Amino acid sequence: MAEYTSNRPRAYSNPNKRAIRQLLAAEACEPMARRMAAEHPDRFKFHPTTWGKFPDGTDKIIIGGYTPTNELAGEHVVLLCSFHNNDVTWSQFQVMIVLLQSFIESLTVVLPFYPVGTMERVVTEGEVATANTYAQMFSTLPSCGRPTRLMTYDIHTLQNRFYLSGATLASLHTTIPCLLPLLGPAGVDAVAFPDDGAAKRFKHMFDADRYAIIVCGKVRDGDKRVVTVQDGDATGRRVIVIDDLVQTGGTLYECGAKLLELGAASVSAFVAHGVFPRDAWRRFARGGDRDVFSKFYVTNSIPTTTDRCVSAASCFFLRGDGVWGSRRLPKNDVF
């Protein structure tokens, strides 16, 4: 009888050996990809992609890893994505399709910020719920024999994971572990949330024996809705306000201002995703009309925005490498 020879991909030939992931990245994510490969060469091999355009504006993309030899076939592939506008989003979907048709072993799409997470319902008939349409595009991607893994962080509405089906499954993560090591050295002794929803989502991640928990919320005051503290006491506390994302930051600002008014010794802020349309972060910078936070921590989940605000404003601090795992890759290996 002929000897049986396994034809399983070499990634599984030694169960005790961690497979190297073939790493690709959207243009905005390329600096992070290069750092990951440089700091963890035993785990990632980076292949640069050319994200060009033809004269008529259509895509001219050359995916790395195919020449002079195909290094992706039969391999586990990680694609770092940034959907910061519709043009680059469509380009990245095209790359996903090509990869999945290239006989790879698996595809993990790392999309730290899911930008349509807040658009999950229709109020006016005819309105497009982009959370649904994006989920359908992910769900109809070609199959490489197993579902595509979509890794995203602190998605605004958790039910978005259930919109995915078939070819793509969601893998939900949080950025809070990037923040926790900073709280002790900063002297933070209280954690505040701008509303009950944020408290329900994040409160269990903080040691109640170590941090006082404060929950804010909006109440009606005549014709206006104003932020007030609904639970907890900020007096004399060094507080950090936690939320998943910030757009223009009106509620976040009102929460910080109210905590200072009620006697907090200092107030800082942390958001996973600094969206800041039209450079709204400038209002929180020193001298801005919303300059209430001693420190404002953001991650690099939207590098096209946070790279600008961190370099320009002294109050902003980037907690980025831990989001996609460059310097602080967890020991249990999320990839």
Protein backbone atom coordinates (compact mmCIF):
# COMPACT_ATOMS: atom_id res chain seq x y z
CA MET A 1 0.00 0.00 0.00
CA ALA A 2 1.31 3.44 -0.89
CA GLU A 3 2.25 5.63 2.03
CA TYR A 4 -0.31 8.34 2.81
CA THR A 5 1.01 11.87 2.36
CA SER A 6 -0.97 14.79 3.71
CA ASN A 7 -1.61 17.63 1.28
CA ARG A 8 -2.71 20.05 3.99
CA PRO A 9 -1.15 23.54 3.74
CA ARG A 10 2.23 23.85 5.41
CA ALA A 11 0.69 26.25 7.94
CA TYR A 12 -0.71 23.15 9.69
CA SER A 13 2.24 20.81 9.23
CA ASN A 14 3.47 21.45 12.78
CA PRO A 15 0.68 22.09 15.30
CA ASN A 16 3.16 23.62 17.75
CA LYS A 17 4.48 26.15 15.24
CA ARG A 18 2.62 29.43 14.72
CA ALA A 19 1.96 30.06 11.05
CA ILE A 20 3.31 33.22 9.48
CA ARG A 21 0.50 35.44 8.17
CA GLN A 22 0.90 37.06 4.79
CA LEU A 23 0.14 40.71 5.46
CA LEU A 24 -1.44 43.20 3.05
CA ALA A 25 -2.70 46.70 3.78
CA ALA A 26 -4.74 49.57 2.43
CA GLU A 27 -2.60 52.59 1.67
CA ALA A 28 -3.60 54.39 4.88
CA CYS A 29 -2.69 51.31 6.92
CA GLU A 30 0.68 50.60 5.32
CA PRO A 31 2.80 52.26 8.08
CA MET A 32 1.16 50.01 10.66
CA ALA A 33 1.65 46.93 8.48
CA ARG A 34 5.34 47.70 8.07
CA ARG A 35 5.75 48.09 11.85
CA MET A 36 3.96 44.81 12.50
CA ALA A 37 6.21 42.94 10.07
CA ALA A 38 9.37 44.63 11.38
CA GLU A 39 8.62 43.97 15.04
CA HIS A 40 7.18 40.45 14.55
CA PRO A 41 8.95 38.88 11.55
CA ASP A 42 8.10 35.42 12.93
CA ARG A 43 4.40 36.21 12.60
CA PHE A 44 3.93 38.53 9.62
CA LYS A 45 5.39 38.96 6.15
CA PHE A 46 4.32 42.21 4.53
CA HIS A 47 3.64 42.53 0.79
CA PRO A 48 3.22 46.15 -0.44
CA THR A 49 0.30 46.86 -2.75
CA THR A 50 0.17 49.60 -5.37
CA TRP A 51 -3.11 51.53 -5.12
CA GLY A 52 -3.01 53.45 -8.40
CA LYS A 53 -5.53 54.99 -10.79
CA PHE A 54 -5.91 55.03 -14.55
CA PRO A 55 -6.32 58.46 -16.20
CA ASP A 56 -10.13 58.00 -16.18
CA GLY A 57 -10.12 57.56 -12.39
CA THR A 58 -10.77 53.82 -12.26
CA ASP A 59 -8.61 51.57 -10.11
CA LYS A 60 -5.21 50.30 -11.18
CA ILE A 61 -4.32 48.05 -8.26
CA ILE A 62 -1.38 45.66 -8.13
CA ILE A 63 -1.63 43.39 -5.10
CA GLY A 64 1.64 42.43 -3.46
CA GLY A 65 2.73 38.83 -2.98
CA TYR A 66 1.98 37.51 -6.47
CA THR A 67 5.26 38.15 -8.27
CA PRO A 68 7.88 36.97 -9.00
CA THR A 69 6.30 33.93 -7.29
CA ASN A 70 2.89 33.56 -5.71
CA GLU A 71 3.48 33.66 -1.96
CA LEU A 72 -0.21 33.88 -1.04
CA ALA A 73 -1.71 30.63 -2.42
CA GLY A 74 -2.31 28.15 0.39
CA GLU A 75 -1.48 30.77 3.02
CA HIS A 76 -3.33 32.62 5.78
CA VAL A 77 -3.73 36.23 4.66
CA VAL A 78 -4.42 39.32 6.80
CA LEU A 79 -5.68 42.50 5.11
CA LEU A 80 -5.56 45.75 7.12
CA CYS A 81 -8.37 48.01 5.93
CA SER A 82 -9.52 51.60 6.37
CA PHE A 83 -12.93 52.56 5.00
CA HIS A 84 -12.46 56.32 5.45
CA ASN A 85 -14.23 57.16 2.19
CA ASN A 86 -16.31 55.38 -0.44
CA ASP A 87 -13.56 55.38 -3.07
CA VAL A 88 -10.99 53.49 -0.98
CA THR A 89 -13.72 51.21 0.40
CA TRP A 90 -14.66 49.98 -3.06
CA SER A 91 -10.98 49.48 -3.96
CA GLN A 92 -10.46 47.31 -0.87
CA PHE A 93 -13.54 45.19 -1.62
CA GLN A 94 -12.06 44.47 -5.05
CA VAL A 95 -8.82 43.31 -3.44
CA MET A 96 -10.76 41.01 -1.09
CA ILE A 97 -12.48 39.38 -4.07
CA VAL A 98 -9.19 38.75 -5.89
CA LEU A 99 -7.55 37.34 -2.75
CA LEU A 100 -10.42 34.94 -2.10
CA GLN A 101 -10.19 33.70 -5.69
CA SER A 102 -6.46 33.08 -5.34
CA PHE A 103 -6.59 29.75 -3.48
CA ILE A 104 -5.58 31.23 -0.13
CA GLU A 105 -6.13 29.18 3.02
CA SER A 106 -7.98 31.94 4.91
CA LEU A 107 -8.63 35.68 4.89
CA THR A 108 -8.81 37.92 7.96
CA VAL A 109 -10.00 41.45 7.25
CA VAL A 110 -8.94 43.82 10.04
CA LEU A 111 -11.24 46.85 9.90
CA PRO A 112 -10.70 48.65 13.22
CA PHE A 113 -13.44 51.24 12.59
CA TYR A 114 -16.69 50.08 10.98
CA PRO A 115 -17.88 53.44 9.66
CA VAL A 116 -21.48 52.51 8.92
CA GLY A 117 -22.14 51.02 12.34
CA THR A 118 -24.44 53.90 13.29
CA MET A 119 -26.56 53.67 10.11
CA GLU A 120 -28.48 50.51 10.92
CA ARG A 121 -32.08 51.69 10.69
CA VAL A 122 -34.46 53.39 8.28
CA VAL A 123 -36.54 56.30 9.58
CA THR A 124 -37.77 57.61 6.23
CA GLU A 125 -38.77 55.15 3.52
CA GLY A 126 -36.17 55.12 0.78
CA GLU A 127 -33.32 55.88 3.15
CA VAL A 128 -30.35 53.53 2.72
CA ALA A 129 -29.26 51.65 5.85
CA THR A 130 -25.59 51.34 4.91
CA ALA A 131 -24.90 48.98 7.81
CA ASN A 132 -27.12 46.52 5.96
CA THR A 133 -25.69 47.12 2.48
CA TYR A 134 -22.08 46.81 3.67
CA ALA A 135 -22.98 43.61 5.51
CA GLN A 136 -24.51 42.21 2.34
CA MET A 137 -21.37 43.00 0.35
CA PHE A 138 -19.24 41.25 2.96
CA SER A 139 -21.66 38.32 3.10
CA THR A 140 -21.52 37.72 -0.66
CA LEU A 141 -17.73 37.68 -0.97
CA PRO A 142 -16.34 34.54 -2.65
CA SER A 143 -15.49 31.66 -0.36
CA CYS A 144 -11.99 30.26 0.03
CA GLY A 145 -13.42 27.21 1.79
CA ARG A 146 -14.01 28.86 5.14
CA PRO A 147 -15.68 32.13 6.19
CA THR A 148 -13.77 35.38 5.92
CA ARG A 149 -13.10 36.76 9.40
CA LEU A 150 -13.99 40.44 9.84
CA MET A 151 -12.19 41.85 12.88
CA THR A 152 -13.51 45.18 14.11
CA TYR A 153 -13.15 47.15 17.34
CA ASP A 154 -15.79 48.77 19.55
CA ILE A 155 -18.45 48.74 16.86
CA HIS A 156 -21.12 51.31 17.74
CA THR A 157 -24.15 49.01 17.55
CA LEU A 158 -23.40 45.44 18.52
CA GLN A 159 -26.28 43.98 16.50
CA ASN A 160 -24.33 44.74 13.32
CA ARG A 161 -22.59 41.39 13.75
CA PHE A 162 -25.88 39.61 13.05
CA TYR A 163 -26.32 41.35 9.68
CA LEU A 164 -23.38 39.29 8.38
CA SER A 165 -24.06 35.81 7.10
CA GLY A 166 -22.61 33.14 4.87
CA ALA A 167 -19.17 34.07 3.60
CA THR A 168 -18.13 36.50 6.35
CA LEU A 169 -18.39 36.33 10.14
CA ALA A 170 -17.70 39.16 12.59
CA SER A 171 -15.02 38.98 15.25
CA LEU A 172 -15.63 41.79 17.75
CA HIS A 173 -12.86 43.28 19.89
CA THR A 174 -12.32 46.27 22.18
CA THR A 175 -9.60 48.91 22.47
CA ILE A 176 -9.95 49.29 26.25
CA PRO A 177 -6.84 47.12 26.95
CA CYS A 178 -4.82 49.83 25.15
CA LEU A 179 -6.00 52.36 27.72
CA LEU A 180 -5.81 50.46 31.01
CA PRO A 181 -1.99 50.66 31.46
CA LEU A 182 -2.20 54.47 31.31
CA LEU A 183 -4.74 54.99 34.07
CA GLY A 184 -2.52 54.22 37.07
CA PRO A 185 0.42 56.47 36.05
CA ALA A 186 -2.04 59.25 35.21
CA GLY A 187 -3.59 59.05 38.68
CA VAL A 188 -7.07 58.34 37.33
CA ASP A 189 -9.40 57.19 40.10
CA ALA A 190 -12.80 57.53 38.42
CA VAL A 191 -14.29 56.40 35.10
CA ALA A 192 -17.25 58.26 33.63
CA PHE A 193 -19.59 57.43 30.77
CA PRO A 194 -21.56 60.01 28.76
CA ASP A 195 -24.73 57.92 28.79
CA ASP A 196 -26.22 54.70 30.10
CA GLY A 197 -25.49 52.89 26.85
CA ALA A 198 -21.75 53.48 27.14
CA ALA A 199 -21.87 52.45 30.81
CA LYS A 200 -23.58 49.15 30.02
CA ARG A 201 -21.04 48.45 27.32
CA PHE A 202 -17.77 49.37 29.04
CA LYS A 203 -18.37 49.50 32.82
CA HIS A 204 -17.59 45.82 33.40
CA MET A 205 -14.10 46.33 31.95
CA PHE A 206 -13.03 48.52 34.90
CA ASP A 207 -12.33 47.33 38.45
CA ALA A 208 -15.05 48.89 40.60
CA ASP A 209 -12.82 48.51 43.68
CA ARG A 210 -10.18 50.68 42.02
CA TYR A 211 -12.24 53.22 40.08
CA ALA A 212 -15.33 55.15 41.07
CA ILE A 213 -17.97 54.75 38.37
CA ILE A 214 -19.87 57.83 37.18
CA VAL A 215 -22.73 57.74 34.69
CA CYS A 216 -23.92 60.87 32.93
CA GLY A 217 -27.04 61.39 30.87
CA LYS A 218 -29.23 64.01 29.27
CA VAL A 219 -32.33 65.40 30.99
CA ARG A 220 -34.83 67.94 29.77
CA ASP A 221 -34.42 71.49 31.07
CA GLY A 222 -37.22 73.54 29.57
CA ASP A 223 -36.79 73.38 25.81
CA LYS A 224 -33.26 72.01 26.06
CA ARG A 225 -31.69 68.68 26.92
CA VAL A 226 -28.66 69.09 29.16
CA VAL A 227 -26.06 66.66 30.49
CA THR A 228 -26.11 65.86 34.17
CA VAL A 229 -24.56 63.23 36.45
CA GLN A 230 -27.11 60.50 37.06
CA ASP A 231 -24.98 58.20 39.21
CA GLY A 232 -21.71 58.70 41.11
CA ASP A 233 -19.78 61.61 42.58
CA ALA A 234 -16.98 63.44 40.74
CA THR A 235 -15.88 65.65 43.63
CA GLY A 236 -12.09 65.66 43.91
CA ARG A 237 -11.74 62.84 41.41
CA ARG A 238 -9.36 62.53 38.48
CA VAL A 239 -11.88 61.35 35.91
CA ILE A 240 -11.60 59.84 32.45
CA VAL A 241 -14.68 59.83 30.19
CA ILE A 242 -15.01 56.70 28.02
CA ASP A 243 -16.93 56.31 24.76
CA ASP A 244 -16.67 54.27 21.59
CA LEU A 245 -16.49 57.14 19.09
CA VAL A 246 -16.61 60.89 18.77
CA GLN A 247 -18.01 62.87 15.85
CA THR A 248 -18.32 66.59 16.59
CA GLY A 249 -18.07 65.77 20.30
CA GLY A 250 -20.91 67.89 21.67
CA THR A 251 -22.11 65.36 24.25
CA LEU A 252 -18.56 64.44 25.23
CA TYR A 253 -17.74 68.10 25.82
CA GLU A 254 -20.90 68.69 27.88
CA CYS A 255 -20.07 65.66 30.00
CA GLY A 256 -16.52 66.87 30.67
CA ALA A 257 -17.69 70.40 31.46
CA LYS A 258 -20.36 69.14 33.87
CA LEU A 259 -17.86 66.94 35.74
CA LEU A 260 -15.52 69.91 36.21
CA GLU A 261 -18.46 72.06 37.35
CA LEU A 262 -19.32 69.41 39.96
CA GLY A 263 -15.82 69.47 41.43
CA ALA A 264 -13.71 66.96 39.51
CA ALA A 265 -9.99 67.61 40.01
CA SER A 266 -9.34 66.90 36.33
CA VAL A 267 -11.12 65.32 33.38
CA SER A 268 -9.60 63.43 30.46
CA ALA A 269 -11.27 61.52 27.63
CA PHE A 270 -10.77 58.29 25.72
CA VAL A 271 -12.54 57.28 22.50
CA ALA A 272 -11.77 54.28 20.35
CA HIS A 273 -12.60 56.06 17.11
CA GLY A 274 -11.88 59.75 16.53
CA VAL A 275 -14.07 60.49 13.51
CA PHE A 276 -13.90 64.29 13.86
CA PRO A 277 -15.56 65.37 10.58
CA ARG A 278 -14.26 68.68 9.19
CA ASP A 279 -11.40 68.68 11.70
CA ALA A 280 -13.76 68.95 14.68
CA TRP A 281 -10.85 67.89 16.91
CA ARG A 282 -9.51 71.45 16.72
CA ARG A 283 -12.29 72.56 19.07
CA PHE A 284 -10.84 70.29 21.81
CA ALA A 285 -7.27 71.51 21.28
CA ARG A 286 -5.71 74.05 23.63
CA GLY A 287 -7.51 77.35 23.20
CA GLY A 288 -10.50 75.79 21.44
CA ASP A 289 -14.05 76.42 22.60
CA ARG A 290 -14.24 72.82 23.91
CA ASP A 291 -10.89 72.76 25.69
CA VAL A 292 -12.00 70.95 28.87
CA PHE A 293 -9.94 67.75 28.80
CA SER A 294 -6.50 67.51 30.37
CA LYS A 295 -5.69 64.68 27.95
CA PHE A 296 -7.63 63.27 25.03
CA TYR A 297 -6.70 59.69 24.13
CA VAL A 298 -7.62 58.25 20.72
CA THR A 299 -6.53 55.16 18.82
CA ASN A 300 -5.26 55.07 15.25
CA SER A 301 -8.33 53.23 13.99
CA ILE A 302 -8.88 56.14 11.56
CA PRO A 303 -5.27 57.08 10.71
CA THR A 304 -6.26 59.69 8.13
CA THR A 305 -7.78 61.75 10.97
CA THR A 306 -5.86 60.87 14.11
CA ASP A 307 -2.44 61.30 12.54
CA ARG A 308 -3.32 64.97 11.98
CA CYS A 309 -4.79 65.76 15.37
CA VAL A 310 -2.05 64.02 17.38
CA SER A 311 0.71 65.83 15.52
CA ALA A 312 -0.98 69.22 15.73
CA ALA A 313 -2.51 69.38 19.23
CA SER A 314 -0.65 68.77 22.49
CA CYS A 315 -3.68 67.45 24.35
CA PHE A 316 -4.15 64.46 22.02
CA PHE A 317 -2.35 61.21 22.74
CA LEU A 318 -2.37 58.23 20.37
CA ARG A 319 -2.97 54.73 21.69
CA GLY A 320 -2.50 53.01 18.38
CA ASP A 321 -0.11 50.11 18.19
CA GLY A 322 -2.26 48.01 20.49
CA VAL A 323 -5.30 48.31 18.25
CA TRP A 324 -3.91 46.23 15.43
CA GLY A 325 -1.40 44.53 17.63
CA SER A 326 2.02 45.84 16.64
CA ARG A 327 3.82 46.23 19.97
CA ARG A 328 1.29 44.64 22.28
CA LEU A 329 0.15 41.53 20.45
CA PRO A 330 -1.76 39.37 22.93
CA LYS A 331 -0.12 36.13 23.88
CA ASN A 332 -3.11 34.07 22.73
CA ASP A 333 -2.63 35.45 19.18
CA VAL A 334 -5.82 36.97 17.77
CA PHE A 335 -4.71 36.13 14.19
